[in-house]
Amino acid sequence: MPPMDERDLAQRYDLPTAAAWILGHAQRTGVPALPDDLGGKLAGECTQEEILRIVAAGWEASLKLYPFKSGTQSLQRVRRVIGFLRSVPFETMLDVGSGRGVFLIPFMKEFPWVRVTALDLLPRRVDFLNELSSGGFTQLRAERGDVCSRPFPERSFDIVTLLEVLEHIPDVGKAVEAAVRMAKRYVVVTVPSKPDDNPEHIHLLTKDRLAGLFGMAGCEKLHFDGVEGHLFMVAAVGQ
């Protein structure tokens, strides 16, 4: 890919986050081939000039940088979740179905002290997130797994997030039960509130349906809110 002007790169991308991923990706794959003075660094250790060099190298190597596009605000449902998390003290979090980090990246930038485990079924997503970790977001670790198998011991995390996930899971009751068992304090959920044409959405989870599922898992203290075509819910665990 031809070089891009540095000003265009700075306008188009969230450069520090893109640089963190490129550094991690280069460590794992050798692409792009970075000079020795950059290859062993974390993004937070780099100067602005070095950040630009790293992102330019990623661009010229035709890496897909679209997860780091700037100039767009976070989704309202993401802002709603982060707004709730600002109101509670916590140190550990499990994010189920992290994907390409639509929620996780803005979360980590705002809560850099929180130790985060990301769980995803897709190996390419796990690789992407672990590359982010290797390149600068060292509070993160990503693992491949199915939440329904309850891959972590009970009460392993202060908070478990299930954001745009439950509508995809065949045994949604089992997923809810697993999340409640692995959480110490809260389980946070967002789901679409209206039918849509996404063939991967196999459930429409209404307020009543979610209340029933979480009630069966032992959570009766629930808070609901509507956010731009989505349902937001917080379940207090053991309260």
Protein backbone atom coordinates (compact mmCIF):
# COMPACT_ATOMS: atom_id res chain seq x y z
CA MET A 1 0.00 0.00 0.00
CA PRO A 2 1.42 3.45 -0.85
CA PRO A 3 2.58 5.68 2.03
CA MET A 4 0.03 7.97 3.66
CA ASP A 5 0.79 11.49 4.79
CA GLU A 6 1.37 11.61 8.57
CA ARG A 7 -1.33 14.25 9.01
CA ASP A 8 -3.83 12.01 7.25
CA LEU A 9 -2.89 9.09 9.50
CA ALA A 10 -3.33 11.26 12.60
CA GLN A 11 -6.76 12.41 11.42
CA ARG A 12 -7.95 8.97 10.38
CA TYR A 13 -6.86 6.76 13.30
CA ASP A 14 -6.54 6.56 17.07
CA LEU A 15 -2.79 6.38 16.74
CA PRO A 16 -1.70 5.14 20.21
CA THR A 17 -4.19 2.26 20.14
CA ALA A 18 -3.36 1.34 16.55
CA ALA A 19 0.34 1.43 17.43
CA ALA A 20 -0.20 -0.89 20.40
CA TRP A 21 -1.87 -3.46 18.15
CA ILE A 22 0.73 -3.14 15.39
CA LEU A 23 3.55 -3.64 17.91
CA GLY A 24 1.86 -6.77 19.27
CA HIS A 25 1.05 -8.07 15.80
CA ALA A 26 4.65 -7.53 14.69
CA GLN A 27 5.93 -9.43 17.71
CA ARG A 28 3.68 -12.40 16.88
CA THR A 29 3.91 -12.48 13.09
CA GLY A 30 6.90 -10.37 12.02
CA VAL A 31 4.62 -8.03 10.05
CA PRO A 32 5.40 -5.22 9.71
CA ALA A 33 9.18 -5.58 10.03
CA LEU A 34 9.94 -2.87 12.57
CA PRO A 35 13.43 -1.54 13.29
CA ASP A 36 15.11 -2.67 16.50
CA ASP A 37 14.57 0.68 18.20
CA LEU A 38 10.78 0.19 17.95
CA GLY A 39 10.14 -3.55 17.94
CA GLY A 40 10.65 -4.17 21.66
CA LYS A 41 8.65 -1.22 22.96
CA LEU A 42 5.16 -0.77 24.36
CA ALA A 43 3.05 1.96 22.77
CA GLY A 44 3.08 3.95 26.01
CA GLU A 45 6.86 4.12 25.90
CA CYS A 46 6.94 5.63 22.40
CA THR A 47 7.20 9.26 21.42
CA GLN A 48 4.59 10.77 19.11
CA GLU A 49 7.08 10.52 16.24
CA GLU A 50 7.64 6.82 16.97
CA ILE A 51 3.88 6.21 17.16
CA LEU A 52 3.51 7.72 13.69
CA ARG A 53 6.34 5.55 12.35
CA ILE A 54 4.71 2.41 13.74
CA VAL A 55 1.28 3.21 12.32
CA ALA A 56 2.79 4.20 8.97
CA ALA A 57 4.59 0.84 8.86
CA GLY A 58 1.33 -0.95 9.57
CA TRP A 59 -0.45 1.00 6.86
CA GLU A 60 2.25 0.28 4.29
CA ALA A 61 2.08 -3.43 5.20
CA SER A 62 -1.68 -3.36 4.39
CA LEU A 63 -2.74 -4.24 7.93
CA LYS A 64 -6.45 -3.73 8.58
CA LEU A 65 -6.64 -0.66 10.81
CA TYR A 66 -10.42 -0.09 10.71
CA PRO A 67 -10.91 -1.00 14.43
CA PHE A 68 -8.90 2.12 15.25
CA LYS A 69 -10.71 4.69 13.12
CA SER A 70 -11.12 8.02 14.89
CA GLY A 71 -13.67 10.75 14.48
CA THR A 72 -16.63 8.63 15.56
CA GLN A 73 -18.12 8.68 19.03
CA SER A 74 -18.63 5.55 21.05
CA LEU A 75 -21.98 3.88 20.63
CA GLN A 76 -24.63 5.03 23.09
CA ARG A 77 -24.92 1.55 24.57
CA VAL A 78 -21.15 1.52 25.16
CA ARG A 79 -21.31 4.92 26.84
CA ARG A 80 -24.20 3.70 29.00
CA VAL A 81 -22.21 0.70 30.22
CA ILE A 82 -19.13 2.81 30.93
CA GLY A 83 -21.30 5.32 32.76
CA PHE A 84 -22.53 2.59 35.09
CA LEU A 85 -19.02 1.24 35.63
CA ARG A 86 -17.82 4.69 36.71
CA SER A 87 -20.29 4.47 39.60
CA VAL A 88 -18.94 1.28 41.21
CA PRO A 89 -15.51 0.29 42.55
CA PHE A 90 -14.02 -2.81 40.96
CA GLU A 91 -10.64 -4.28 40.07
CA THR A 92 -11.36 -7.27 37.82
CA MET A 93 -13.70 -7.86 34.88
CA LEU A 94 -14.60 -10.64 32.47
CA ASP A 95 -15.83 -9.43 29.07
CA VAL A 96 -17.64 -12.20 27.20
CA GLY A 97 -17.65 -12.08 23.40
CA SER A 98 -15.21 -9.18 23.13
CA GLY A 99 -14.96 -9.36 19.33
CA ARG A 100 -12.87 -6.53 17.87
CA GLY A 101 -13.09 -4.44 21.01
CA VAL A 102 -15.97 -2.04 20.29
CA PHE A 103 -16.58 -1.83 24.04
CA LEU A 104 -13.30 -3.17 25.36
CA ILE A 105 -10.94 -0.63 23.80
CA PRO A 106 -12.72 2.51 25.12
CA PHE A 107 -13.19 0.71 28.45
CA MET A 108 -9.48 -0.04 28.85
CA LYS A 109 -8.54 3.52 27.97
CA GLU A 110 -10.81 4.83 30.73
CA PHE A 111 -10.09 2.12 33.33
CA PRO A 112 -6.39 1.26 32.84
CA TRP A 113 -6.07 -0.12 36.39
CA VAL A 114 -8.73 -2.83 35.93
CA ARG A 115 -7.43 -6.33 35.16
CA VAL A 116 -9.53 -7.56 32.22
CA THR A 117 -10.04 -11.04 30.85
CA ALA A 118 -11.63 -11.25 27.40
CA LEU A 119 -13.40 -14.44 26.36
CA ASP A 120 -14.22 -15.16 22.73
CA LEU A 121 -14.99 -18.21 20.60
CA LEU A 122 -13.05 -17.05 17.54
CA PRO A 123 -9.27 -17.59 17.46
CA ARG A 124 -8.67 -14.52 15.28
CA ARG A 125 -10.39 -12.31 17.86
CA VAL A 126 -8.34 -13.81 20.67
CA ASP A 127 -5.14 -13.22 18.67
CA PHE A 128 -6.16 -9.61 17.98
CA LEU A 129 -6.82 -8.89 21.65
CA ASN A 130 -3.64 -10.56 22.86
CA GLU A 131 -1.69 -8.50 20.32
CA LEU A 132 -3.23 -5.37 21.85
CA SER A 133 -2.08 -6.63 25.23
CA SER A 134 1.48 -7.36 24.04
CA GLY A 135 1.78 -3.94 22.44
CA GLY A 136 0.60 -1.80 25.31
CA PHE A 137 -2.71 -2.80 26.94
CA THR A 138 -0.95 -4.99 29.47
CA GLN A 139 -3.98 -5.12 31.79
CA LEU A 140 -5.68 -7.39 29.25
CA ARG A 141 -5.50 -11.11 28.62
CA ALA A 142 -7.68 -12.90 26.11
CA GLU A 143 -8.70 -16.56 26.10
CA ARG A 144 -10.65 -18.69 23.68
CA GLY A 145 -13.65 -20.32 25.31
CA ASP A 146 -17.39 -20.75 25.67
CA VAL A 147 -19.06 -18.95 28.57
CA CYS A 148 -21.55 -21.82 28.90
CA SER A 149 -18.75 -24.15 29.98
CA ARG A 150 -18.07 -21.84 32.93
CA PRO A 151 -14.34 -21.64 32.16
CA PHE A 152 -13.39 -19.82 35.38
CA PRO A 153 -14.07 -20.63 39.05
CA GLU A 154 -17.00 -19.12 40.92
CA ARG A 155 -16.63 -15.48 41.95
CA SER A 156 -13.51 -14.99 39.81
CA PHE A 157 -14.38 -11.45 38.65
CA ASP A 158 -15.93 -8.39 40.26
CA ILE A 159 -17.94 -7.75 37.08
CA VAL A 160 -18.95 -9.88 34.10
CA THR A 161 -20.13 -8.12 30.94
CA LEU A 162 -22.38 -9.76 28.34
CA LEU A 163 -22.70 -7.07 25.69
CA GLU A 164 -24.49 -7.95 22.45
CA VAL A 165 -23.79 -11.61 23.24
CA LEU A 166 -26.79 -13.40 24.74
CA GLU A 167 -28.91 -13.11 21.59
CA HIS A 168 -26.31 -15.30 19.81
CA ILE A 169 -26.11 -18.18 22.34
CA PRO A 170 -28.36 -21.23 21.86
CA ASP A 171 -28.50 -22.16 25.56
CA VAL A 172 -28.99 -18.66 26.84
CA GLY A 173 -30.08 -19.84 30.30
CA LYS A 174 -26.83 -21.72 30.75
CA ALA A 175 -24.84 -18.65 29.71
CA VAL A 176 -26.69 -16.47 32.23
CA GLU A 177 -26.16 -19.00 35.02
CA ALA A 178 -22.45 -19.26 34.21
CA ALA A 179 -22.00 -15.47 34.19
CA VAL A 180 -23.76 -15.12 37.54
CA ARG A 181 -21.60 -17.85 39.07
CA MET A 182 -18.36 -16.26 37.86
CA ALA A 183 -19.27 -12.74 39.06
CA LYS A 184 -18.72 -11.34 42.54
CA ARG A 185 -20.73 -8.13 42.26
CA TYR A 186 -22.52 -7.42 38.96
CA VAL A 187 -23.40 -8.86 35.59
CA VAL A 188 -23.94 -6.18 32.93
CA VAL A 189 -25.96 -6.97 29.79
CA THR A 190 -26.95 -5.26 26.56
CA VAL A 191 -29.16 -6.90 23.92
CA PRO A 192 -31.17 -5.66 20.94
CA SER A 193 -34.64 -4.59 22.03
CA LYS A 194 -36.31 -5.02 18.63
CA PRO A 195 -36.38 -7.75 15.98
CA ASP A 196 -33.79 -7.34 13.24
CA ASP A 197 -32.59 -9.17 10.14
CA ASN A 198 -29.34 -10.48 11.60
CA PRO A 199 -29.49 -14.27 11.11
CA GLU A 200 -27.07 -14.77 13.99
CA HIS A 201 -29.58 -13.26 16.44
CA ILE A 202 -31.50 -16.33 17.56
CA HIS A 203 -33.27 -14.78 20.57
CA LEU A 204 -35.17 -11.57 21.21
CA LEU A 205 -34.54 -11.07 24.91
CA THR A 206 -37.23 -8.86 26.43
CA LYS A 207 -37.17 -7.36 29.89
CA ASP A 208 -39.46 -10.12 31.17
CA ARG A 209 -37.36 -12.86 29.57
CA LEU A 210 -34.13 -11.49 31.06
CA ALA A 211 -35.77 -11.05 34.45
CA GLY A 212 -36.87 -14.68 34.35
CA LEU A 213 -33.46 -15.98 33.32
CA PHE A 214 -31.58 -14.00 35.94
CA GLY A 215 -34.18 -14.83 38.59
CA MET A 216 -33.62 -18.54 37.93
CA ALA A 217 -29.88 -17.91 38.34
CA GLY A 218 -30.46 -16.33 41.75
CA CYS A 219 -30.49 -12.61 40.87
CA GLU A 220 -33.59 -10.64 41.77
CA LYS A 221 -32.11 -7.15 42.06
CA LEU A 222 -32.14 -5.97 38.44
CA HIS A 223 -32.00 -2.54 36.84
CA PHE A 224 -33.20 -1.98 33.26
CA ASP A 225 -32.86 0.92 30.86
CA GLY A 226 -33.47 1.47 27.14
CA VAL A 227 -30.60 2.74 24.97
CA GLU A 228 -31.21 3.50 21.27
CA GLY A 229 -32.74 0.22 20.17
CA HIS A 230 -31.06 -1.82 22.89
CA LEU A 231 -31.91 -3.00 26.37
CA PHE A 232 -29.37 -2.33 29.12
CA MET A 233 -29.50 -4.37 32.33
CA VAL A 234 -27.46 -4.67 35.50
CA ALA A 235 -27.89 -7.68 37.78
CA ALA A 236 -26.58 -7.40 41.34
CA VAL A 237 -25.03 -10.70 42.37
CA GLY A 238 -25.51 -11.90 45.95
CA GLN A 239 -27.38 -8.73 46.99
